[in-house]
Amino acid sequence: MGKINLLRVDDRLIHGQVMTKWSKGMGTNAIYVVDNDTAADDFMKDIYISTNSSSGLKIGVFSTTEAIEEWEKNQFGSDNVILLFKTIKAAKEVIDHGIPAVALNIGGIAKKTNATFVINTVGLTREDGELLKQLHEEKNIEVTFQTVPDTKKVSLEEALKAL
């Protein structure tokens, strides 16, 4: 049975911080990108999957439905996985459908219309904040905001004060 080492929302998906900082020291051997748009885009999917040859990590790209199915089929086999989401909504969807989670890291979300920076790398809308509160209150998931492992963790309660 596989193990989920980290659930992270970062709209940049796979980039240097994920590859060098988050994957090290956890026994991670795979990163699964879970994003419907990326999974439907063969060109982008190929780009992400091709990074496994230089990183030594297995890279998978799944829609939310495919990620849920893969978990239900074999709990990700023998992979020790970072699940990497582009959106909070996608993370909530897979958690609501049974992918186990005790913690969710929010690391990078670009500022968009009606969003407020709650830490310097995360712009949240009120809807995003509500989804995170639901995960925390209904699923007892610890939600923290942290760009890289050696920076201060900010709690959900503290981050939502900015909204």
Protein backbone atom coordinates (compact mmCIF):
# COMPACT_ATOMS: atom_id res chain seq x y z
CA MET A 1 0.00 0.00 0.00
CA GLY A 2 1.24 3.44 -0.89
CA LYS A 3 1.61 6.35 1.47
CA ILE A 4 0.61 9.96 1.04
CA ASN A 5 3.47 12.06 2.42
CA LEU A 6 2.03 15.47 1.66
CA LEU A 7 -1.06 17.10 0.22
CA ARG A 8 -0.17 20.53 -1.15
CA VAL A 9 -1.99 23.23 -3.08
CA ASP A 10 0.39 25.19 -5.30
CA ASP A 11 -0.90 26.58 -8.57
CA ARG A 12 2.60 26.44 -10.04
CA LEU A 13 2.41 22.65 -9.63
CA ILE A 14 5.86 21.09 -10.09
CA HIS A 15 8.68 23.58 -9.70
CA GLY A 16 12.01 23.85 -7.94
CA GLN A 17 10.68 24.22 -4.40
CA VAL A 18 8.51 21.14 -4.72
CA MET A 19 11.27 19.10 -6.34
CA THR A 20 14.10 20.11 -4.03
CA LYS A 21 12.55 21.13 -0.72
CA TRP A 22 9.27 19.27 -0.23
CA SER A 23 10.16 15.90 -1.74
CA LYS A 24 13.37 15.43 0.22
CA GLY A 25 13.49 13.80 3.63
CA MET A 26 10.03 12.25 3.44
CA GLY A 27 10.90 9.11 1.51
CA THR A 28 8.92 10.47 -1.42
CA ASN A 29 9.37 8.58 -4.66
CA ALA A 30 6.41 10.03 -6.60
CA ILE A 31 4.61 13.30 -7.21
CA TYR A 32 1.06 13.13 -8.49
CA VAL A 33 -0.33 16.29 -10.04
CA VAL A 34 -4.10 16.33 -9.54
CA ASP A 35 -5.71 18.89 -11.82
CA ASN A 36 -8.50 18.40 -14.33
CA ASP A 37 -7.22 20.95 -16.86
CA THR A 38 -3.65 19.65 -16.81
CA ALA A 39 -4.80 16.03 -17.08
CA ALA A 40 -6.86 16.96 -20.16
CA ASP A 41 -3.96 18.77 -21.86
CA ASP A 42 -1.72 16.12 -23.48
CA PHE A 43 1.09 18.62 -24.13
CA MET A 44 1.28 19.83 -20.51
CA LYS A 45 0.81 16.32 -19.18
CA ASP A 46 3.80 15.13 -21.24
CA ILE A 47 5.93 18.01 -19.97
CA TYR A 48 5.24 17.14 -16.34
CA ILE A 49 5.68 13.40 -16.82
CA SER A 50 9.00 13.94 -18.63
CA THR A 51 10.45 15.60 -15.52
CA ASN A 52 10.70 12.19 -13.89
CA SER A 53 13.77 11.35 -15.94
CA SER A 54 15.77 14.23 -14.47
CA SER A 55 14.32 14.15 -10.95
CA GLY A 56 14.37 10.45 -10.21
CA LEU A 57 10.79 10.79 -8.97
CA LYS A 58 7.84 9.11 -10.61
CA ILE A 59 5.49 11.79 -11.91
CA GLY A 60 1.81 11.15 -12.54
CA VAL A 61 -0.84 13.55 -13.81
CA PHE A 62 -4.45 12.78 -12.92
CA SER A 63 -7.85 14.38 -13.02
CA THR A 64 -9.59 14.41 -9.65
CA THR A 65 -11.68 11.43 -10.73
CA GLU A 66 -8.61 9.49 -11.90
CA ALA A 67 -6.78 10.19 -8.63
CA ILE A 68 -9.74 8.91 -6.61
CA GLU A 69 -9.98 5.80 -8.83
CA GLU A 70 -6.24 5.14 -8.51
CA TRP A 71 -6.47 5.36 -4.73
CA GLU A 72 -9.50 3.06 -4.62
CA LYS A 73 -7.83 0.56 -6.96
CA ASN A 74 -4.55 0.04 -5.09
CA GLN A 75 -3.87 2.93 -2.68
CA PHE A 76 -1.16 4.19 -5.08
CA GLY A 77 0.67 0.87 -5.11
CA SER A 78 4.04 1.16 -3.42
CA ASP A 79 4.49 4.88 -4.08
CA ASN A 80 5.21 7.39 -1.32
CA VAL A 81 3.41 10.32 -2.84
CA ILE A 82 3.11 14.06 -2.76
CA LEU A 83 -0.35 14.95 -4.04
CA LEU A 84 -0.03 18.32 -5.69
CA PHE A 85 -3.16 20.32 -6.49
CA LYS A 86 -3.59 23.49 -8.50
CA THR A 87 -6.72 24.49 -6.58
CA ILE A 88 -8.24 24.14 -3.14
CA LYS A 89 -11.44 22.95 -4.79
CA ALA A 90 -9.63 19.95 -6.35
CA ALA A 91 -8.01 19.05 -3.03
CA LYS A 92 -11.37 19.19 -1.27
CA GLU A 93 -12.97 17.04 -3.96
CA VAL A 94 -10.52 14.16 -3.58
CA ILE A 95 -10.57 14.36 0.21
CA ASP A 96 -14.38 14.36 0.20
CA HIS A 97 -14.24 11.19 -1.93
CA GLY A 98 -12.07 9.24 0.47
CA ILE A 99 -8.43 10.00 -0.15
CA PRO A 100 -7.09 10.13 3.40
CA ALA A 101 -5.75 13.39 4.74
CA VAL A 102 -4.79 14.70 8.14
CA ALA A 103 -3.05 17.83 6.88
CA LEU A 104 -3.15 20.12 3.87
CA ASN A 105 -0.35 22.52 2.99
CA ILE A 106 -1.19 25.66 1.05
CA GLY A 107 1.97 26.99 -0.54
CA GLY A 108 1.34 29.07 -3.63
CA ILE A 109 -1.79 30.57 -5.12
CA ALA A 110 -1.46 33.59 -7.38
CA LYS A 111 -3.60 36.60 -6.51
CA LYS A 112 -6.70 36.83 -8.64
CA THR A 113 -9.79 39.02 -8.70
CA ASN A 114 -11.41 39.27 -5.27
CA ALA A 115 -8.44 37.56 -3.59
CA THR A 116 -6.37 38.77 -0.67
CA PHE A 117 -2.84 37.69 0.17
CA VAL A 118 -2.97 35.77 3.45
CA ILE A 119 0.76 35.05 3.27
CA ASN A 120 3.08 36.51 0.69
CA THR A 121 2.64 33.56 -1.73
CA VAL A 122 -1.05 32.77 -1.25
CA GLY A 123 -3.98 34.82 -2.50
CA LEU A 124 -7.33 33.53 -1.24
CA THR A 125 -10.89 34.44 -2.10
CA ARG A 126 -13.64 34.18 0.49
CA GLU A 127 -14.81 31.01 -1.30
CA ASP A 128 -11.32 29.49 -0.90
CA GLY A 129 -11.40 30.37 2.79
CA GLU A 130 -14.81 28.71 3.19
CA LEU A 131 -13.61 25.51 1.50
CA LEU A 132 -10.59 25.39 3.82
CA LYS A 133 -12.76 25.99 6.89
CA GLN A 134 -15.02 23.12 5.78
CA LEU A 135 -12.04 20.78 5.45
CA HIS A 136 -10.83 21.76 8.89
CA GLU A 137 -14.19 21.66 10.67
CA GLU A 138 -15.85 18.72 8.88
CA LYS A 139 -12.81 16.50 8.24
CA ASN A 140 -10.55 17.60 11.11
CA ILE A 141 -7.75 18.43 8.66
CA GLU A 142 -4.93 20.66 9.81
CA VAL A 143 -4.60 23.39 7.18
CA THR A 144 -1.35 25.33 7.19
CA PHE A 145 0.24 27.89 4.92
CA GLN A 146 3.93 27.47 4.24
CA THR A 147 5.99 28.20 1.15
CA VAL A 148 8.90 25.86 1.94
CA PRO A 149 9.60 23.54 4.88
CA ASP A 150 12.12 25.87 6.52
CA THR A 151 9.72 28.85 6.71
CA LYS A 152 7.20 29.53 9.44
CA LYS A 153 3.90 27.65 9.25
CA VAL A 154 0.85 29.88 9.42
CA SER A 155 -2.34 28.35 10.79
CA LEU A 156 -5.69 28.51 9.03
CA GLU A 157 -7.08 30.68 11.81
CA GLU A 158 -4.23 33.16 11.50
CA ALA A 159 -4.35 33.25 7.68
CA LEU A 160 -8.10 33.78 7.53
CA LYS A 161 -7.79 36.94 9.65
CA ALA A 162 -6.55 38.64 6.48
CA LEU A 163 -9.85 37.93 4.72
